[in-house]
Amino acid sequence: MSRPIWFHRTVSRFATVVSLGLCSLPLIGCGGSTKTPATDKPAAATTTSDIKSLLARSTAALQQRQWKSALETLNEAVTLDPKCTEAYFQRGSLLADAGQAQAALVDFSKAIELSPKDAKLRHTRGFFLMTQKQIDFAIADFSAAIEIHPKHTQALNNRGLAWLSKGDLAKARADFDQALQIEPKYVESLINRGFVAYQSKQHKQAVADYDQALKLQPENVNALNNRGLAHFELQDYERAVTDFSKAIARERYSAKFYLQRRACYLQLGRENEAQADAGRVAWLSKLNDLNRNAAQDPKDADNYVKLAQHLIAGGESKVGLASYETAMQVQPKYGRAYSSRAAFWLSKGELDKAIADCTLAIKTEPHFEAYSIRGDAYLQNSEFNLAIADYRKAKRIDSQVAQAYRLRAKQMADEGKTDEANRDRERAAEIEREMKSVLLNVTPRGVIPEEEEELLGIPK
């Protein structure tokens, strides 16, 4: 079957459960001395309990995202007890997360030197090496971890991934099989074995593995995505649509799911739904651009306003409102953030909120949009005097303004104010005449008035 060029086959396979983050690290143990140096000054904290206290402080600092404090504490722990395996391990993890790969590798290696029979250390360094694309060294560490602990399912799973990256499907499959023999409910290995089957064109076997994974974790997006792709290869497009739709429900900002579902819709002849997914992909592309702009210039409130407008236009009102809040925090006196949010409140019939935001906008940075939107809110609230006053300040002339004068004329007439009512009716009629005159005098785009033709050298 030929594959359309717009179909993105993106099978998720790196489904490990390893984390280099310190908050989830196990305690390894230390080899600190319990002796106190002979000195008249207070002794340095060198007991095991003191080292553990330092490690606890570093963990607390990391949980509060105080990276510098955590690193300084771990440095102190290493200085006080150069044989503390855990201190090197935790510092290596911190350095790895900070992108200091070489320093992290030195610390991981030192931890292994101090505790060579610790399978967790070998496995963690192996995973770190795999992230650095040092696949052969990673395989060596995973193999060492498995030799120390033959039932280390994470090491088996990750070694399988390493073999996959080298294109050795048979060895990868053997490792995933072994991990699943030890732990039949190991979801990550089920997904990864399904990937091997998919790559081997064994699509029914892939579906079977993904079925098992989803029985255990019905919300697993990788399994849903991969099963959808396997269904697509089997030309079972309805089931593929179901899987991609479930993936979208869980990760609605991922363009690849919409692209893949669109491919299914086209195969099924459901053109309207395919077009809707294409539109969503375009919307997500613009969203990425707006997010990038905000990241590049985080102090420009207008970036967040544009982001908010785009989010709301795409049905993401809650996230859009949060973006408005960010704009207001970044530049509290940026009036257009308030008037833009007011336009949203107006569209939802939240008139009091719209009026309040416009009033804030006018106080901080008066501009015609704020007066115009507040005028619309007053009009919907039947506060015609206030509406007309704002329309005047906005210098706005359109059918909505004419309607405001007509409604106020009716109100005046009901109150017996005949002269005022007549003036308002005349003003409404005048506005409509002005609008009609403007429309009649507009030259259609691409048409040149006859009196200009000779000047441009166009023959009659």
Protein backbone atom coordinates (compact mmCIF):
# COMPACT_ATOMS: atom_id res chain seq x y z
CA MET A 1 0.00 0.00 0.00
CA SER A 2 1.42 3.37 -0.95
CA ARG A 3 1.69 5.86 1.89
CA PRO A 4 0.43 9.42 1.40
CA ILE A 5 3.13 12.02 1.94
CA TRP A 6 1.15 13.72 4.68
CA PHE A 7 1.11 10.63 6.89
CA HIS A 8 3.49 10.89 9.83
CA ARG A 9 4.51 7.47 11.07
CA THR A 10 5.85 8.28 14.50
CA VAL A 11 5.89 5.16 16.63
CA SER A 12 6.73 5.85 20.27
CA ARG A 13 9.18 3.36 21.68
CA PHE A 14 11.40 4.93 24.32
CA ALA A 15 9.08 3.98 27.16
CA THR A 16 11.54 3.70 30.03
CA VAL A 17 10.74 4.44 33.64
CA VAL A 18 14.21 5.66 34.53
CA SER A 19 14.63 9.19 35.82
CA LEU A 20 17.83 11.02 36.56
CA GLY A 21 15.98 13.51 38.76
CA LEU A 22 17.19 13.60 42.33
CA CYS A 23 13.77 13.60 43.98
CA SER A 24 13.20 9.97 42.98
CA LEU A 25 16.71 8.67 43.72
CA PRO A 26 17.13 5.75 46.12
CA LEU A 27 19.43 5.95 49.10
CA ILE A 28 22.71 4.17 48.32
CA GLY A 29 24.67 4.51 51.55
CA CYS A 30 27.94 6.14 52.61
CA GLY A 31 31.30 5.05 53.89
CA GLY A 32 31.93 7.99 56.18
CA SER A 33 34.13 7.77 59.23
CA THR A 34 32.64 8.01 62.71
CA LYS A 35 35.85 9.28 64.30
CA THR A 36 36.28 12.86 65.45
CA PRO A 37 39.56 14.66 64.67
CA ALA A 38 41.60 15.70 67.70
CA THR A 39 41.36 19.49 67.81
CA ASP A 40 40.39 22.27 70.19
CA LYS A 41 37.98 23.68 67.57
CA PRO A 42 34.45 22.32 66.96
CA ALA A 43 34.72 19.13 64.88
CA ALA A 44 33.53 19.12 61.27
CA ALA A 45 30.43 17.10 60.53
CA THR A 46 31.93 13.78 59.45
CA THR A 47 29.67 11.21 61.09
CA THR A 48 27.28 9.13 59.07
CA SER A 49 24.32 10.98 60.59
CA ASP A 50 25.81 14.32 59.58
CA ILE A 51 26.36 13.15 56.00
CA LYS A 52 22.79 11.92 55.85
CA SER A 53 21.67 15.32 57.10
CA LEU A 54 23.56 16.99 54.25
CA LEU A 55 21.97 14.65 51.72
CA ALA A 56 18.54 15.36 53.14
CA ARG A 57 19.25 19.10 52.82
CA SER A 58 20.26 18.69 49.20
CA THR A 59 17.08 16.76 48.47
CA ALA A 60 14.98 19.47 50.12
CA ALA A 61 16.81 22.16 48.14
CA LEU A 62 16.12 20.34 44.89
CA GLN A 63 12.44 19.96 45.73
CA GLN A 64 12.36 23.75 46.13
CA ARG A 65 14.27 24.13 42.82
CA GLN A 66 17.25 25.65 44.61
CA TRP A 67 19.84 24.07 42.32
CA LYS A 68 22.84 26.04 43.49
CA SER A 69 22.15 25.29 47.15
CA ALA A 70 21.73 21.58 46.40
CA LEU A 71 25.00 21.44 44.50
CA GLU A 72 26.89 23.27 47.24
CA THR A 73 25.48 20.87 49.85
CA LEU A 74 26.50 17.82 47.81
CA ASN A 75 29.97 19.30 47.30
CA GLU A 76 30.25 19.62 51.07
CA ALA A 77 29.12 16.02 51.54
CA VAL A 78 31.74 14.75 49.08
CA THR A 79 34.44 16.81 50.80
CA LEU A 80 33.50 15.51 54.25
CA ASP A 81 33.24 11.89 53.11
CA PRO A 82 35.07 11.13 49.84
CA LYS A 83 33.77 7.55 50.04
CA CYS A 84 30.08 8.46 50.14
CA THR A 85 28.58 6.65 47.15
CA GLU A 86 25.23 8.36 47.46
CA ALA A 87 26.71 11.87 47.41
CA TYR A 88 28.48 11.17 44.10
CA PHE A 89 25.39 9.51 42.71
CA GLN A 90 23.09 12.39 43.62
CA ARG A 91 25.54 15.01 42.43
CA GLY A 92 25.95 13.13 39.17
CA SER A 93 22.19 13.10 38.72
CA LEU A 94 21.99 16.83 39.41
CA LEU A 95 24.79 17.56 36.95
CA ALA A 96 23.17 15.34 34.33
CA ASP A 97 19.88 17.22 34.67
CA ALA A 98 21.85 20.49 34.36
CA GLY A 99 23.38 19.35 31.07
CA GLN A 100 26.92 18.99 32.44
CA ALA A 101 27.42 15.58 30.89
CA GLN A 102 31.16 15.11 31.41
CA ALA A 103 31.05 16.08 35.09
CA ALA A 104 27.99 13.87 35.61
CA LEU A 105 29.77 10.89 34.06
CA VAL A 106 32.76 11.40 36.36
CA ASP A 107 30.50 11.31 39.42
CA PHE A 108 28.52 8.27 38.22
CA SER A 109 31.77 6.44 37.55
CA LYS A 110 33.14 7.35 41.00
CA ALA A 111 29.96 6.02 42.61
CA ILE A 112 30.39 2.73 40.72
CA GLU A 113 34.06 2.56 41.73
CA LEU A 114 32.99 2.83 45.37
CA SER A 115 30.10 0.33 44.99
CA PRO A 116 30.94 -1.90 42.00
CA LYS A 117 28.30 -4.50 42.82
CA ASP A 118 25.38 -2.08 42.90
CA ALA A 119 23.13 -2.89 39.92
CA LYS A 120 21.17 0.37 40.24
CA LEU A 121 24.32 2.45 39.78
CA ARG A 122 25.31 0.48 36.68
CA HIS A 123 21.82 0.78 35.26
CA THR A 124 21.60 4.53 35.87
CA ARG A 125 24.96 5.22 34.26
CA GLY A 126 23.91 3.01 31.35
CA PHE A 127 20.75 5.01 30.84
CA PHE A 128 22.70 8.26 31.08
CA LEU A 129 25.17 6.98 28.46
CA MET A 130 22.27 6.03 26.22
CA THR A 131 20.96 9.60 26.40
CA GLN A 132 24.43 10.70 25.30
CA LYS A 133 24.25 8.29 22.32
CA GLN A 134 27.12 6.21 23.69
CA ILE A 135 25.17 3.06 22.94
CA ASP A 136 27.91 0.43 23.20
CA PHE A 137 29.02 1.71 26.60
CA ALA A 138 25.37 1.84 27.70
CA ILE A 139 24.86 -1.79 26.67
CA ALA A 140 27.95 -2.75 28.67
CA ASP A 141 26.52 -1.07 31.80
CA PHE A 142 23.07 -2.62 31.33
CA SER A 143 24.70 -6.05 30.89
CA ALA A 144 26.73 -5.53 34.06
CA ALA A 145 23.56 -4.59 35.97
CA ILE A 146 21.80 -7.70 34.66
CA GLU A 147 24.77 -9.89 35.61
CA ILE A 148 24.63 -8.51 39.16
CA HIS A 149 20.83 -8.68 39.31
CA PRO A 150 19.45 -11.09 36.66
CA LYS A 151 15.85 -9.98 37.32
CA HIS A 152 16.54 -6.28 36.80
CA THR A 153 13.67 -5.64 34.39
CA GLN A 154 14.48 -1.95 33.80
CA ALA A 155 18.00 -2.86 32.73
CA LEU A 156 16.61 -5.53 30.38
CA ASN A 157 14.07 -3.09 28.93
CA ASN A 158 16.65 -0.36 28.42
CA ARG A 159 19.20 -2.72 26.93
CA GLY A 160 16.47 -3.73 24.52
CA LEU A 161 16.05 -0.07 23.58
CA ALA A 162 19.80 0.21 23.09
CA TRP A 163 19.74 -2.77 20.72
CA LEU A 164 16.84 -1.14 18.91
CA SER A 165 18.86 2.01 18.37
CA LYS A 166 21.52 -0.19 16.74
CA GLY A 167 18.88 -1.83 14.55
CA ASP A 168 19.24 -5.27 16.12
CA LEU A 169 15.57 -6.26 16.38
CA ALA A 170 16.28 -9.86 17.39
CA LYS A 171 18.36 -8.93 20.45
CA ALA A 172 15.90 -6.20 21.37
CA ARG A 173 13.00 -8.66 21.19
CA ALA A 174 14.93 -11.16 23.35
CA ASP A 175 15.47 -8.54 26.08
CA PHE A 176 11.83 -7.43 26.06
CA ASP A 177 10.69 -11.06 26.18
CA GLN A 178 12.95 -11.74 29.16
CA ALA A 179 11.73 -8.63 31.00
CA LEU A 180 8.11 -9.72 30.43
CA GLN A 181 8.81 -13.26 31.64
CA ILE A 182 9.99 -11.75 34.91
CA GLU A 183 7.31 -9.05 35.05
CA PRO A 184 4.36 -9.86 32.73
CA LYS A 185 2.65 -6.53 33.52
CA TYR A 186 5.64 -4.38 32.59
CA VAL A 187 3.81 -1.93 30.32
CA GLU A 188 6.91 -0.25 28.89
CA SER A 189 8.31 -3.57 27.70
CA LEU A 190 4.97 -4.51 26.16
CA ILE A 191 4.97 -1.25 24.19
CA ASN A 192 8.60 -1.72 23.15
CA ARG A 193 8.04 -5.33 22.08
CA GLY A 194 5.04 -4.10 20.10
CA PHE A 195 7.37 -1.65 18.37
CA VAL A 196 9.72 -4.49 17.41
CA ALA A 197 6.76 -6.37 15.93
CA TYR A 198 5.65 -3.24 14.07
CA GLN A 199 9.13 -2.72 12.65
CA SER A 200 9.17 -6.38 11.62
CA LYS A 201 5.86 -5.89 9.72
CA GLN A 202 4.11 -8.17 12.23
CA HIS A 203 1.26 -5.74 12.73
CA LYS A 204 -1.21 -8.15 14.30
CA GLN A 205 1.38 -9.15 16.90
CA ALA A 206 2.04 -5.47 17.55
CA VAL A 207 -1.69 -4.87 18.13
CA ALA A 208 -1.75 -7.80 20.57
CA ASP A 209 1.07 -6.31 22.64
CA TYR A 210 -0.54 -2.87 22.64
CA ASP A 211 -3.87 -4.44 23.66
CA GLN A 212 -2.18 -5.95 26.72
CA ALA A 213 -0.50 -2.66 27.56
CA LEU A 214 -3.80 -0.76 27.33
CA LYS A 215 -5.60 -3.26 29.52
CA LEU A 216 -3.07 -2.38 32.20
CA GLN A 217 -2.90 1.37 31.43
CA PRO A 218 -5.93 2.49 29.39
CA GLU A 219 -4.64 6.09 29.33
CA ASN A 220 -1.19 5.28 27.92
CA VAL A 221 -0.75 7.62 24.95
CA ASN A 222 2.24 5.79 23.47
CA ALA A 223 0.29 2.54 23.33
CA LEU A 224 -2.76 4.26 21.83
CA ASN A 225 -0.67 6.00 19.18
CA ASN A 226 1.27 2.86 18.27
CA ARG A 227 -1.82 0.67 18.12
CA GLY A 228 -3.47 3.25 15.89
CA LEU A 229 -0.52 3.08 13.52
CA ALA A 230 -0.63 -0.72 13.49
CA HIS A 231 -4.37 -0.59 12.73
CA PHE A 232 -3.60 1.80 9.88
CA GLU A 233 -1.11 -0.66 8.39
CA LEU A 234 -3.79 -3.35 8.66
CA GLN A 235 -6.17 -0.95 6.84
CA ASP A 236 -8.50 -0.98 9.84
CA TYR A 237 -9.02 2.76 9.62
CA GLU A 238 -12.05 3.01 11.94
CA ARG A 239 -10.11 1.45 14.83
CA ALA A 240 -7.14 3.67 14.01
CA VAL A 241 -9.40 6.74 14.20
CA THR A 242 -10.63 5.60 17.61
CA ASP A 243 -7.09 5.22 18.94
CA PHE A 244 -5.85 8.54 17.59
CA SER A 245 -8.95 10.27 18.96
CA LYS A 246 -8.24 8.86 22.42
CA ALA A 247 -4.63 10.02 22.12
CA ILE A 248 -5.82 13.50 21.16
CA ALA A 249 -8.13 13.59 24.17
CA ARG A 250 -5.09 13.06 26.38
CA GLU A 251 -2.55 15.20 24.49
CA ARG A 252 -4.56 17.72 22.52
CA TYR A 253 -1.55 19.84 21.57
CA SER A 254 0.24 17.08 19.66
CA ALA A 255 -0.03 17.75 15.92
CA LYS A 256 1.07 14.25 14.91
CA PHE A 257 -2.13 12.68 16.26
CA TYR A 258 -4.27 15.01 14.15
CA LEU A 259 -2.14 14.31 11.07
CA GLN A 260 -2.45 10.58 11.59
CA ARG A 261 -6.20 10.74 12.18
CA ARG A 262 -6.53 12.94 9.10
CA ALA A 263 -4.80 10.21 7.08
CA CYS A 264 -7.44 7.76 8.30
CA TYR A 265 -10.31 10.11 7.50
CA LEU A 266 -9.01 10.54 3.95
CA GLN A 267 -8.83 6.78 3.51
CA LEU A 268 -12.42 6.57 4.74
CA GLY A 269 -13.57 9.39 2.44
CA ARG A 270 -14.55 11.62 5.37
CA GLU A 271 -13.31 14.83 3.79
CA ASN A 272 -14.90 17.32 6.20
CA GLU A 273 -13.34 15.68 9.24
CA ALA A 274 -10.00 15.44 7.45
CA GLN A 275 -10.18 19.14 6.66
CA ALA A 276 -10.99 19.94 10.30
CA ASP A 277 -7.91 18.04 11.45
CA ALA A 278 -5.78 19.86 8.88
CA GLY A 279 -7.11 23.13 10.30
CA ARG A 280 -6.18 22.04 13.79
CA VAL A 281 -2.66 21.22 12.67
CA ALA A 282 -2.34 24.73 11.20
CA TRP A 283 -3.68 26.18 14.46
CA LEU A 284 -1.10 24.20 16.44
CA SER A 285 1.67 25.38 14.15
CA LYS A 286 0.75 29.00 14.82
CA LEU A 287 0.46 28.20 18.53
CA ASN A 288 4.04 26.93 18.49
CA ASP A 289 5.17 30.14 16.79
CA LEU A 290 3.40 32.29 19.40
CA ASN A 291 4.83 30.24 22.25
CA ARG A 292 8.28 30.66 20.72
CA ASN A 293 7.82 34.43 20.51
CA ALA A 294 6.79 34.57 24.16
CA ALA A 295 9.80 32.48 25.17
CA GLN A 296 12.17 34.70 23.19
CA ASP A 297 10.78 37.94 24.64
CA PRO A 298 9.08 37.03 27.95
CA LYS A 299 8.75 40.66 29.07
CA ASP A 300 6.60 41.74 26.11
CA ALA A 301 2.97 41.58 27.22
CA ASP A 302 1.71 41.76 23.64
CA ASN A 303 3.17 38.30 22.99
CA TYR A 304 0.93 36.87 25.70
CA VAL A 305 -2.10 38.81 24.44
CA LYS A 306 -1.67 37.37 20.95
CA LEU A 307 -1.20 33.93 22.47
CA ALA A 308 -4.37 34.36 24.53
CA GLN A 309 -6.37 35.46 21.50
CA HIS A 310 -5.17 32.47 19.50
CA LEU A 311 -5.91 30.02 22.30
CA ILE A 312 -9.42 31.38 22.78
CA ALA A 313 -10.08 31.28 19.04
CA GLY A 314 -9.08 27.61 19.15
CA GLY A 315 -11.47 26.80 21.98
CA GLU A 316 -8.86 26.91 24.75
CA SER A 317 -10.50 29.61 26.86
CA LYS A 318 -9.11 28.54 30.23
CA VAL A 319 -5.52 28.52 28.99
CA GLY A 320 -6.14 31.74 27.07
CA LEU A 321 -7.35 33.54 30.19
CA ALA A 322 -4.22 32.38 32.00
CA SER A 323 -2.16 33.94 29.21
CA TYR A 324 -3.98 37.25 29.74
CA GLU A 325 -3.08 37.05 33.42
CA THR A 326 0.57 36.57 32.48
CA ALA A 327 0.43 39.61 30.20
CA MET A 328 -0.95 41.71 33.05
CA GLN A 329 1.75 40.49 35.44
CA VAL A 330 4.50 41.23 32.94
CA GLN A 331 3.19 44.72 32.08
CA PRO A 332 0.47 45.85 34.50
CA LYS A 333 -0.05 49.09 32.57
CA TYR A 334 -0.48 47.51 29.14
CA GLY A 335 -4.07 48.55 28.50
CA ARG A 336 -4.64 46.36 25.45
CA ALA A 337 -4.34 43.25 27.59
CA TYR A 338 -7.42 44.37 29.52
CA SER A 339 -9.41 45.45 26.48
CA SER A 340 -8.61 42.22 24.66
CA ARG A 341 -9.80 40.18 27.63
CA ALA A 342 -12.86 42.43 27.80
CA ALA A 343 -13.70 41.41 24.22
CA PHE A 344 -13.70 37.79 25.39
CA TRP A 345 -15.99 38.57 28.34
CA LEU A 346 -18.31 40.45 25.99
CA SER A 347 -18.52 37.45 23.65
CA LYS A 348 -19.55 35.31 26.64
CA GLY A 349 -22.19 37.78 27.85
CA GLU A 350 -20.14 38.63 30.96
CA LEU A 351 -20.98 42.34 30.66
CA ASP A 352 -19.87 43.47 34.10
CA LYS A 353 -16.46 41.84 33.63
CA ALA A 354 -16.12 43.37 30.18
CA ILE A 355 -16.95 46.83 31.52
CA ALA A 356 -14.54 46.43 34.44
CA ASP A 357 -11.66 45.38 32.18
CA CYS A 358 -12.29 48.22 29.73
CA THR A 359 -12.37 50.71 32.58
CA LEU A 360 -8.97 49.40 33.77
CA ALA A 361 -7.65 49.64 30.22
CA ILE A 362 -8.80 53.25 29.90
CA LYS A 363 -7.23 54.17 33.24
CA THR A 364 -3.88 52.62 32.36
CA GLU A 365 -3.65 53.25 28.62
CA PRO A 366 -6.67 54.91 26.95
CA HIS A 367 -7.34 53.61 23.42
CA PHE A 368 -10.33 53.45 21.11
CA GLU A 369 -10.80 49.64 21.37
CA ALA A 370 -11.43 49.94 25.10
CA TYR A 371 -14.08 52.64 24.61
CA SER A 372 -15.61 50.70 21.72
CA ILE A 373 -15.89 47.40 23.59
CA ARG A 374 -17.20 49.09 26.71
CA GLY A 375 -19.76 50.87 24.53
CA ASP A 376 -20.95 47.50 23.20
CA ALA A 377 -21.22 46.16 26.75
CA TYR A 378 -23.22 49.20 27.88
CA LEU A 379 -25.47 48.83 24.83
CA GLN A 380 -26.21 45.20 25.64
CA ASN A 381 -26.87 46.31 29.20
CA SER A 382 -29.39 48.89 27.91
CA GLU A 383 -27.26 51.75 29.28
CA PHE A 384 -27.66 53.82 26.11
CA ASN A 385 -26.25 57.12 27.38
CA LEU A 386 -23.03 55.46 28.49
CA ALA A 387 -22.81 53.43 25.30
CA ILE A 388 -23.16 56.50 23.06
CA ALA A 389 -20.65 58.43 25.14
CA ASP A 390 -18.08 55.65 24.66
CA TYR A 391 -18.82 55.36 20.93
CA ARG A 392 -18.12 59.08 20.59
CA LYS A 393 -14.80 58.74 22.38
CA ALA A 394 -13.94 55.81 20.13
CA LYS A 395 -14.94 57.95 17.10
CA ARG A 396 -16.92 54.96 15.91
CA ILE A 397 -19.60 55.06 13.22
CA ASP A 398 -21.37 51.87 12.21
CA SER A 399 -24.73 50.10 12.37
CA GLN A 400 -24.23 49.25 16.04
CA VAL A 401 -23.84 52.93 16.89
CA ALA A 402 -26.93 53.77 14.83
CA GLN A 403 -28.82 51.11 16.77
CA ALA A 404 -27.74 52.71 20.06
CA TYR A 405 -29.26 56.05 18.95
CA ARG A 406 -32.49 54.35 17.83
CA LEU A 407 -32.87 52.52 21.11
CA ARG A 408 -32.19 55.66 23.09
CA ALA A 409 -34.74 57.50 20.89
CA LYS A 410 -37.35 54.92 21.83
CA GLN A 411 -36.43 55.30 25.50
CA MET A 412 -36.73 59.10 25.22
CA ALA A 413 -40.06 58.83 23.47
CA ASP A 414 -41.39 56.52 26.18
CA GLU A 415 -40.36 59.16 28.72
CA GLY A 416 -42.15 61.86 26.74
CA LYS A 417 -38.94 63.57 25.63
CA THR A 418 -40.03 64.11 22.03
CA ASP A 419 -37.33 66.56 20.95
CA GLU A 420 -34.49 64.39 22.28
CA ALA A 421 -36.03 61.33 20.66
CA ASN A 422 -36.26 63.09 17.28
CA ARG A 423 -32.63 64.20 17.51
CA ASP A 424 -31.50 60.65 18.19
CA ARG A 425 -33.59 59.27 15.28
CA GLU A 426 -32.06 61.88 12.99
CA ARG A 427 -28.57 61.00 14.21
CA ALA A 428 -29.22 57.30 13.54
CA ALA A 429 -30.45 58.12 10.04
CA GLU A 430 -27.45 60.39 9.47
CA ILE A 431 -25.04 57.62 10.45
CA GLU A 432 -26.75 55.23 8.03
CA ARG A 433 -26.49 57.80 5.24
CA GLU A 434 -22.81 58.28 5.98
CA MET A 435 -22.25 54.55 5.88
CA LYS A 436 -24.12 54.24 2.59
CA SER A 437 -22.11 57.10 1.10
CA VAL A 438 -18.85 55.48 2.13
CA LEU A 439 -19.88 52.19 0.54
CA LEU A 440 -20.89 53.89 -2.72
CA ASN A 441 -17.58 55.75 -2.95
CA VAL A 442 -15.39 52.70 -2.34
CA THR A 443 -13.46 51.72 -5.48
CA PRO A 444 -13.51 47.94 -5.99
CA ARG A 445 -10.10 46.38 -5.46
CA GLY A 446 -8.13 46.14 -8.70
CA VAL A 447 -10.32 48.65 -10.57
CA ILE A 448 -8.77 51.95 -11.73
CA PRO A 449 -11.04 55.02 -11.94
CA GLU A 450 -11.49 56.22 -15.52
CA GLU A 451 -9.92 59.63 -14.91
CA GLU A 452 -6.66 57.95 -13.84
CA GLU A 453 -6.31 55.72 -16.90
CA GLU A 454 -4.51 58.19 -19.18
CA LEU A 455 -2.01 59.09 -16.49
CA LEU A 456 -1.07 55.44 -16.17
CA GLY A 457 -0.72 55.03 -19.94
CA ILE A 458 -3.61 52.58 -20.26
CA PRO A 459 -5.34 52.89 -23.67
CA LYS A 460 -9.07 53.66 -23.69
